[in-house]
Amino acid sequence: AAYAAGDLLGALEKLPAATTPAEHGFSAAVKLASGRIDEVAAELERSGDASLTDSMRLLIDVVRMPESQAPVPQAPPTPEGRMALSYALQARGDLDGALKAAREAVSVSPDFGFAWARIAELEFGFGRNPQAIEAVDRALKLSPRNAQALSLKGYLEISRSRIPEAQRYFSEAIAIDPALGNAWLGQGLAFFQTGHREAGLRSMT
C-alpha cells in the first residue's frame, strides 16, 4: 500500500523478508526505487520474472554508467520495461524517445502513478507546463505520497506564481522524504519569491 501510494521510504521500512519469487520481485522493485541498488541483484536472482529482471538490470546499468557509456536500450513491453527504457533513452540524450516510452507505460497500465510522474517530469523539461500539470495531477491522484511528484507540483505552482501552494507541496514532499534535495531547493526558491531570503538560503543549503 505504501509503494502504491508513492511512499518509497515507507515501503522500504515496512518491507518484510521475501520468501517467494513474487515477493523477491517486489522487494527488488522497492529497493531499486529507494536507491538500494547493491541489494537488488540478490533479490532478482530469486524473483523468477525474466521481464522484471531485464527491466531492473537496464535501470541499474543506467544509474551506474556515465552517459557516454549508456546501454543500448532494450526492454520488455511491460510497464516496468517501458519505464526502464525511458530512463535509458534519456541517458542517451533521446528525450522524445524517453517521453514516448513513458507514455507507452501508462498505455499498458493507466493506473501506474510513477509513470504519470515520469511523463510530468519530461513534459516540464520540455517547457510544456499545461501537459506537465495534467500528468502530475494524475500521478498524485494515483500515488499521493510520491515525494518527487509533490516536489514537481511545487515547481509547477511556482511557474504559475502560486507561491503558498508551492510551499505546501514542497513541505509535503520533505515530510515524506527529508533527503529529497529537489524539494529543499524548491522550498528555498519559494521563500525567495516571498522576500524571505534568509529562510530561502537555509532551505537551499
C-alpha atoms as a PDB file:
ATOM      1  CA  ALA A   1       0.000   0.000   0.000  1.00  0.00           C
ATOM      2  CA  ALA A   2       2.852   2.395   0.813  1.00  0.00           C
ATOM      3  CA  TYR A   3       4.551   1.625  -2.504  1.00  0.00           C
ATOM      4  CA  ALA A   4       1.331   2.112  -4.454  1.00  0.00           C
ATOM      5  CA  ALA A   5       0.838   5.480  -2.737  1.00  0.00           C
ATOM      6  CA  GLY A   6       4.320   6.520  -3.845  1.00  0.00           C
ATOM      7  CA  ASP A   7       5.871   6.426  -0.366  1.00  0.00           C
ATOM      8  CA  LEU A   8       9.120   4.651  -1.226  1.00  0.00           C
ATOM      9  CA  LEU A   9      10.793   5.146   2.151  1.00  0.00           C
ATOM     10  CA  GLY A  10       7.663   3.948   3.923  1.00  0.00           C
ATOM     11  CA  ALA A  11       7.527   0.876   1.690  1.00  0.00           C
ATOM     12  CA  LEU A  12      11.184   0.131   2.371  1.00  0.00           C
ATOM     13  CA  GLU A  13      10.689   0.494   6.123  1.00  0.00           C
ATOM     14  CA  LYS A  14       7.723  -1.894   6.093  1.00  0.00           C
ATOM     15  CA  LEU A  15       9.271  -4.389   3.651  1.00  0.00           C
ATOM     16  CA  PRO A  16       9.292  -7.913   5.142  1.00  0.00           C
ATOM     17  CA  ALA A  17      11.822 -10.572   4.244  1.00  0.00           C
ATOM     18  CA  ALA A  18      10.879 -12.133   0.891  1.00  0.00           C
ATOM     19  CA  THR A  19      10.103 -15.853   0.802  1.00  0.00           C
ATOM     20  CA  THR A  20       8.521 -16.415  -2.637  1.00  0.00           C
ATOM     21  CA  PRO A  21       9.627 -15.466  -6.162  1.00  0.00           C
ATOM     22  CA  ALA A  22       6.882 -12.823  -6.386  1.00  0.00           C
ATOM     23  CA  GLU A  23       7.939 -11.333  -3.055  1.00  0.00           C
ATOM     24  CA  HIS A  24      11.575 -11.225  -4.165  1.00  0.00           C
ATOM     25  CA  GLY A  25      10.488  -9.378  -7.316  1.00  0.00           C
ATOM     26  CA  PHE A  26       8.541  -6.829  -5.294  1.00  0.00           C
ATOM     27  CA  SER A  27      11.416  -6.463  -2.840  1.00  0.00           C
ATOM     28  CA  ALA A  28      13.777  -5.769  -5.744  1.00  0.00           C
ATOM     29  CA  ALA A  29      11.421  -3.098  -7.096  1.00  0.00           C
ATOM     30  CA  VAL A  30      11.159  -1.326  -3.747  1.00  0.00           C
ATOM     31  CA  LYS A  31      14.895  -1.429  -3.092  1.00  0.00           C
ATOM     32  CA  LEU A  32      15.770  -0.189  -6.576  1.00  0.00           C
ATOM     33  CA  ALA A  33      13.271   2.672  -6.389  1.00  0.00           C
ATOM     34  CA  SER A  34      14.665   3.593  -2.961  1.00  0.00           C
ATOM     35  CA  GLY A  35      18.264   3.677  -4.180  1.00  0.00           C
ATOM     36  CA  ARG A  36      19.416   0.436  -2.536  1.00  0.00           C
ATOM     37  CA  ILE A  37      20.997  -0.719  -5.791  1.00  0.00           C
ATOM     38  CA  ASP A  38      23.590  -3.024  -4.256  1.00  0.00           C
ATOM     39  CA  GLU A  39      20.839  -5.146  -2.686  1.00  0.00           C
ATOM     40  CA  VAL A  40      18.772  -5.600  -5.826  1.00  0.00           C
ATOM     41  CA  ALA A  41      20.785  -8.290  -7.645  1.00  0.00           C
ATOM     42  CA  ALA A  42      20.269 -10.929  -4.958  1.00  0.00           C
ATOM     43  CA  GLU A  43      16.515 -10.327  -4.994  1.00  0.00           C
ATOM     44  CA  LEU A  44      16.343 -10.516  -8.786  1.00  0.00           C
ATOM     45  CA  GLU A  45      18.104 -13.881  -8.822  1.00  0.00           C
ATOM     46  CA  ARG A  46      15.235 -15.301  -6.773  1.00  0.00           C
ATOM     47  CA  SER A  47      12.364 -13.486  -8.489  1.00  0.00           C
ATOM     48  CA  GLY A  48      11.879 -15.844 -11.432  1.00  0.00           C
ATOM     49  CA  ASP A  49      10.405 -12.997 -13.515  1.00  0.00           C
ATOM     50  CA  ALA A  50      12.547 -12.577 -16.617  1.00  0.00           C
ATOM     51  CA  SER A  51      10.862  -9.395 -17.861  1.00  0.00           C
ATOM     52  CA  LEU A  52      11.137  -7.726 -14.452  1.00  0.00           C
ATOM     53  CA  THR A  53      14.772  -8.776 -14.175  1.00  0.00           C
ATOM     54  CA  ASP A  54      15.605  -7.368 -17.617  1.00  0.00           C
ATOM     55  CA  SER A  55      13.878  -4.072 -16.812  1.00  0.00           C
ATOM     56  CA  MET A  56      15.631  -3.597 -13.497  1.00  0.00           C
ATOM     57  CA  ARG A  57      19.049  -4.550 -14.818  1.00  0.00           C
ATOM     58  CA  LEU A  58      18.656  -1.932 -17.536  1.00  0.00           C
ATOM     59  CA  LEU A  59      17.851   0.678 -14.875  1.00  0.00           C
ATOM     60  CA  ILE A  60      20.863  -0.379 -12.801  1.00  0.00           C
ATOM     61  CA  ASP A  61      23.110  -0.033 -15.866  1.00  0.00           C
ATOM     62  CA  VAL A  62      21.748   3.462 -16.498  1.00  0.00           C
ATOM     63  CA  VAL A  63      22.491   4.509 -12.917  1.00  0.00           C
ATOM     64  CA  ARG A  64      25.988   3.057 -12.834  1.00  0.00           C
ATOM     65  CA  MET A  65      27.276   4.070 -16.265  1.00  0.00           C
ATOM     66  CA  PRO A  66      28.199   7.563 -17.488  1.00  0.00           C
ATOM     67  CA  GLU A  67      26.087   8.963 -20.313  1.00  0.00           C
ATOM     68  CA  SER A  68      28.738   8.190 -22.902  1.00  0.00           C
ATOM     69  CA  GLN A  69      28.527   4.511 -21.981  1.00  0.00           C
ATOM     70  CA  ALA A  70      24.745   4.288 -21.584  1.00  0.00           C
ATOM     71  CA  PRO A  71      23.489   0.857 -22.661  1.00  0.00           C
ATOM     72  CA  VAL A  72      21.687   0.322 -25.916  1.00  0.00           C
ATOM     73  CA  PRO A  73      18.063   0.482 -24.776  1.00  0.00           C
ATOM     74  CA  GLN A  74      16.351  -2.896 -24.846  1.00  0.00           C
ATOM     75  CA  ALA A  75      13.478  -3.644 -22.516  1.00  0.00           C
ATOM     76  CA  PRO A  76      10.330  -5.791 -22.464  1.00  0.00           C
ATOM     77  CA  PRO A  77       6.950  -4.255 -23.374  1.00  0.00           C
ATOM     78  CA  THR A  78       5.766  -4.211 -19.758  1.00  0.00           C
ATOM     79  CA  PRO A  79       5.046  -1.041 -17.738  1.00  0.00           C
ATOM     80  CA  GLU A  80       8.302  -1.530 -15.827  1.00  0.00           C
ATOM     81  CA  GLY A  81      10.148  -2.234 -19.054  1.00  0.00           C
ATOM     82  CA  ARG A  82       8.854   0.933 -20.689  1.00  0.00           C
ATOM     83  CA  MET A  83       9.902   2.956 -17.635  1.00  0.00           C
ATOM     84  CA  ALA A  84      13.378   1.443 -17.725  1.00  0.00           C
ATOM     85  CA  LEU A  85      13.542   2.217 -21.433  1.00  0.00           C
ATOM     86  CA  SER A  86      12.508   5.814 -20.740  1.00  0.00           C
ATOM     87  CA  TYR A  87      15.444   6.370 -18.386  1.00  0.00           C
ATOM     88  CA  ALA A  88      17.855   4.570 -20.706  1.00  0.00           C
ATOM     89  CA  LEU A  89      16.825   6.749 -23.641  1.00  0.00           C
ATOM     90  CA  GLN A  90      17.198   9.886 -21.537  1.00  0.00           C
ATOM     91  CA  ALA A  91      20.719   8.784 -20.616  1.00  0.00           C
ATOM     92  CA  ARG A  92      21.482   8.622 -24.325  1.00  0.00           C
ATOM     93  CA  GLY A  93      20.046  12.103 -24.891  1.00  0.00           C
ATOM     94  CA  ASP A  94      16.835  10.967 -26.581  1.00  0.00           C
ATOM     95  CA  LEU A  95      14.238  12.925 -24.596  1.00  0.00           C
ATOM     96  CA  ASP A  96      11.491  12.493 -27.186  1.00  0.00           C
ATOM     97  CA  GLY A  97      12.008   8.761 -27.054  1.00  0.00           C
ATOM     98  CA  ALA A  98      12.057   8.859 -23.257  1.00  0.00           C
ATOM     99  CA  LEU A  99       8.668  10.575 -23.195  1.00  0.00           C
ATOM    100  CA  LYS A 100       7.252   8.163 -25.759  1.00  0.00           C
ATOM    101  CA  ALA A 101       8.374   5.196 -23.643  1.00  0.00           C
ATOM    102  CA  ALA A 102       6.788   6.683 -20.506  1.00  0.00           C
ATOM    103  CA  ARG A 103       3.541   7.179 -22.387  1.00  0.00           C
ATOM    104  CA  GLU A 104       3.707   3.557 -23.526  1.00  0.00           C
ATOM    105  CA  ALA A 105       3.962   2.566 -19.851  1.00  0.00           C
ATOM    106  CA  VAL A 106       0.666   4.280 -18.993  1.00  0.00           C
ATOM    107  CA  SER A 107      -0.999   2.950 -22.134  1.00  0.00           C
ATOM    108  CA  VAL A 108      -0.266  -0.549 -20.808  1.00  0.00           C
ATOM    109  CA  SER A 109      -1.039   0.356 -17.173  1.00  0.00           C
ATOM    110  CA  PRO A 110      -3.178   3.531 -16.878  1.00  0.00           C
ATOM    111  CA  ASP A 111      -3.048   3.437 -13.059  1.00  0.00           C
ATOM    112  CA  PHE A 112       0.771   3.401 -12.876  1.00  0.00           C
ATOM    113  CA  GLY A 113       1.341   6.544 -10.805  1.00  0.00           C
ATOM    114  CA  PHE A 114       5.116   6.521 -11.139  1.00  0.00           C
ATOM    115  CA  ALA A 115       4.819   6.518 -14.933  1.00  0.00           C
ATOM    116  CA  TRP A 116       2.493   9.536 -14.865  1.00  0.00           C
ATOM    117  CA  ALA A 117       5.038  11.318 -12.667  1.00  0.00           C
ATOM    118  CA  ARG A 118       7.717  10.442 -15.210  1.00  0.00           C
ATOM    119  CA  ILE A 119       5.616  11.931 -18.010  1.00  0.00           C
ATOM    120  CA  ALA A 120       5.110  15.088 -15.955  1.00  0.00           C
ATOM    121  CA  GLU A 121       8.843  15.397 -15.321  1.00  0.00           C
ATOM    122  CA  LEU A 122       9.662  15.120 -19.016  1.00  0.00           C
ATOM    123  CA  GLU A 123       6.889  17.476 -20.121  1.00  0.00           C
ATOM    124  CA  PHE A 124       8.162  20.027 -17.589  1.00  0.00           C
ATOM    125  CA  GLY A 125      11.636  19.624 -19.049  1.00  0.00           C
ATOM    126  CA  PHE A 126      10.243  20.444 -22.486  1.00  0.00           C
ATOM    127  CA  GLY A 127       8.579  23.545 -21.043  1.00  0.00           C
ATOM    128  CA  ARG A 128       5.082  22.209 -21.693  1.00  0.00           C
ATOM    129  CA  ASN A 129       3.677  23.167 -18.315  1.00  0.00           C
ATOM    130  CA  PRO A 130      -0.043  22.531 -19.003  1.00  0.00           C
ATOM    131  CA  GLN A 131       0.741  18.957 -20.053  1.00  0.00           C
ATOM    132  CA  ALA A 132       3.059  18.559 -17.062  1.00  0.00           C
ATOM    133  CA  ILE A 133       0.356  19.791 -14.672  1.00  0.00           C
ATOM    134  CA  GLU A 134      -2.177  17.385 -16.141  1.00  0.00           C
ATOM    135  CA  ALA A 135       0.223  14.462 -15.788  1.00  0.00           C
ATOM    136  CA  VAL A 136       1.443  15.301 -12.281  1.00  0.00           C
ATOM    137  CA  ASP A 137      -2.140  15.730 -11.061  1.00  0.00           C
ATOM    138  CA  ARG A 138      -2.899  12.263 -12.441  1.00  0.00           C
ATOM    139  CA  ALA A 139       0.220  10.913 -10.727  1.00  0.00           C
ATOM    140  CA  LEU A 140      -0.717  12.409  -7.358  1.00  0.00           C
ATOM    141  CA  LYS A 141      -4.259  11.136  -7.620  1.00  0.00           C
ATOM    142  CA  LEU A 142      -2.872   7.617  -8.021  1.00  0.00           C
ATOM    143  CA  SER A 143       0.212   7.968  -5.770  1.00  0.00           C
ATOM    144  CA  PRO A 144      -0.453  10.830  -3.327  1.00  0.00           C
ATOM    145  CA  ARG A 145       2.713  10.210  -1.306  1.00  0.00           C
ATOM    146  CA  ASN A 146       5.140  10.318  -4.232  1.00  0.00           C
ATOM    147  CA  ALA A 147       7.635  12.874  -2.919  1.00  0.00           C
ATOM    148  CA  GLN A 148       9.190  13.524  -6.336  1.00  0.00           C
ATOM    149  CA  ALA A 149       5.773  14.215  -7.850  1.00  0.00           C
ATOM    150  CA  LEU A 150       4.847  16.507  -4.953  1.00  0.00           C
ATOM    151  CA  SER A 151       8.087  18.416  -5.446  1.00  0.00           C
ATOM    152  CA  LEU A 152       7.461  18.744  -9.187  1.00  0.00           C
ATOM    153  CA  LYS A 153       3.969  20.025  -8.450  1.00  0.00           C
ATOM    154  CA  GLY A 154       5.612  22.680  -6.272  1.00  0.00           C
ATOM    155  CA  TYR A 155       7.798  23.862  -9.145  1.00  0.00           C
ATOM    156  CA  LEU A 156       4.777  23.980 -11.428  1.00  0.00           C
ATOM    157  CA  GLU A 157       2.937  26.095  -8.874  1.00  0.00           C
ATOM    158  CA  ILE A 158       5.907  28.496  -8.786  1.00  0.00           C
ATOM    159  CA  SER A 159       5.670  28.759 -12.574  1.00  0.00           C
ATOM    160  CA  ARG A 160       2.080  29.930 -12.082  1.00  0.00           C
ATOM    161  CA  SER A 161       3.115  32.389  -9.327  1.00  0.00           C
ATOM    162  CA  ARG A 162       1.123  30.380  -6.779  1.00  0.00           C
ATOM    163  CA  ILE A 163       3.772  30.549  -4.064  1.00  0.00           C
ATOM    164  CA  PRO A 164       1.765  29.479  -0.967  1.00  0.00           C
ATOM    165  CA  GLU A 165       0.546  26.406  -2.842  1.00  0.00           C
ATOM    166  CA  ALA A 166       4.113  25.654  -3.954  1.00  0.00           C
ATOM    167  CA  GLN A 167       5.367  25.880  -0.360  1.00  0.00           C
ATOM    168  CA  ARG A 168       2.704  23.434   0.748  1.00  0.00           C
ATOM    169  CA  TYR A 169       3.719  20.873  -1.859  1.00  0.00           C
ATOM    170  CA  PHE A 170       7.414  21.226  -1.043  1.00  0.00           C
ATOM    171  CA  SER A 171       6.667  20.834   2.663  1.00  0.00           C
ATOM    172  CA  GLU A 172       4.660  17.658   1.983  1.00  0.00           C
ATOM    173  CA  ALA A 173       7.492  16.233  -0.115  1.00  0.00           C
ATOM    174  CA  ILE A 174      10.073  16.971   2.588  1.00  0.00           C
ATOM    175  CA  ALA A 175       7.882  15.405   5.270  1.00  0.00           C
ATOM    176  CA  ILE A 176       7.755  12.180   3.234  1.00  0.00           C
ATOM    177  CA  ASP A 177      11.417  12.200   2.155  1.00  0.00           C
ATOM    178  CA  PRO A 178      13.595  14.564   4.231  1.00  0.00           C
ATOM    179  CA  ALA A 179      16.608  13.859   1.984  1.00  0.00           C
ATOM    180  CA  LEU A 180      14.914  14.977  -1.241  1.00  0.00           C
ATOM    181  CA  GLY A 181      17.165  17.762  -2.496  1.00  0.00           C
ATOM    182  CA  ASN A 182      14.749  18.960  -5.187  1.00  0.00           C
ATOM    183  CA  ALA A 183      12.120  19.691  -2.568  1.00  0.00           C
ATOM    184  CA  TRP A 184      14.519  21.644  -0.334  1.00  0.00           C
ATOM    185  CA  LEU A 185      15.731  23.648  -3.323  1.00  0.00           C
ATOM    186  CA  GLY A 186      12.173  24.375  -4.365  1.00  0.00           C
ATOM    187  CA  GLN A 187      11.213  25.452  -0.887  1.00  0.00           C
ATOM    188  CA  GLY A 188      14.176  27.816  -0.873  1.00  0.00           C
ATOM    189  CA  LEU A 189      13.126  29.294  -4.201  1.00  0.00           C
ATOM    190  CA  ALA A 190       9.591  29.761  -2.878  1.00  0.00           C
ATOM    191  CA  PHE A 191      10.924  31.634   0.166  1.00  0.00           C
ATOM    192  CA  PHE A 192      12.945  33.888  -2.135  1.00  0.00           C
ATOM    193  CA  GLN A 193       9.777  34.630  -4.084  1.00  0.00           C
ATOM    194  CA  THR A 194       8.132  35.890  -0.887  1.00  0.00           C
ATOM    195  CA  GLY A 195      11.139  38.012   0.118  1.00  0.00           C
ATOM    196  CA  HIS A 196      12.311  35.688   2.899  1.00  0.00           C
ATOM    197  CA  ARG A 197      15.927  35.492   1.735  1.00  0.00           C
ATOM    198  CA  GLU A 198      17.431  34.011   4.913  1.00  0.00           C
ATOM    199  CA  ALA A 199      14.825  31.251   5.110  1.00  0.00           C
ATOM    200  CA  GLY A 200      15.411  30.534   1.437  1.00  0.00           C
ATOM    201  CA  LEU A 201      19.135  30.185   1.915  1.00  0.00           C
ATOM    202  CA  ARG A 202      18.631  27.834   4.863  1.00  0.00           C
ATOM    203  CA  SER A 203      16.374  25.611   2.805  1.00  0.00           C
ATOM    204  CA  MET A 204      18.738  25.541  -0.153  1.00  0.00           C
ATOM    205  CA  THR A 205      21.791  24.691   1.956  1.00  0.00           C
END
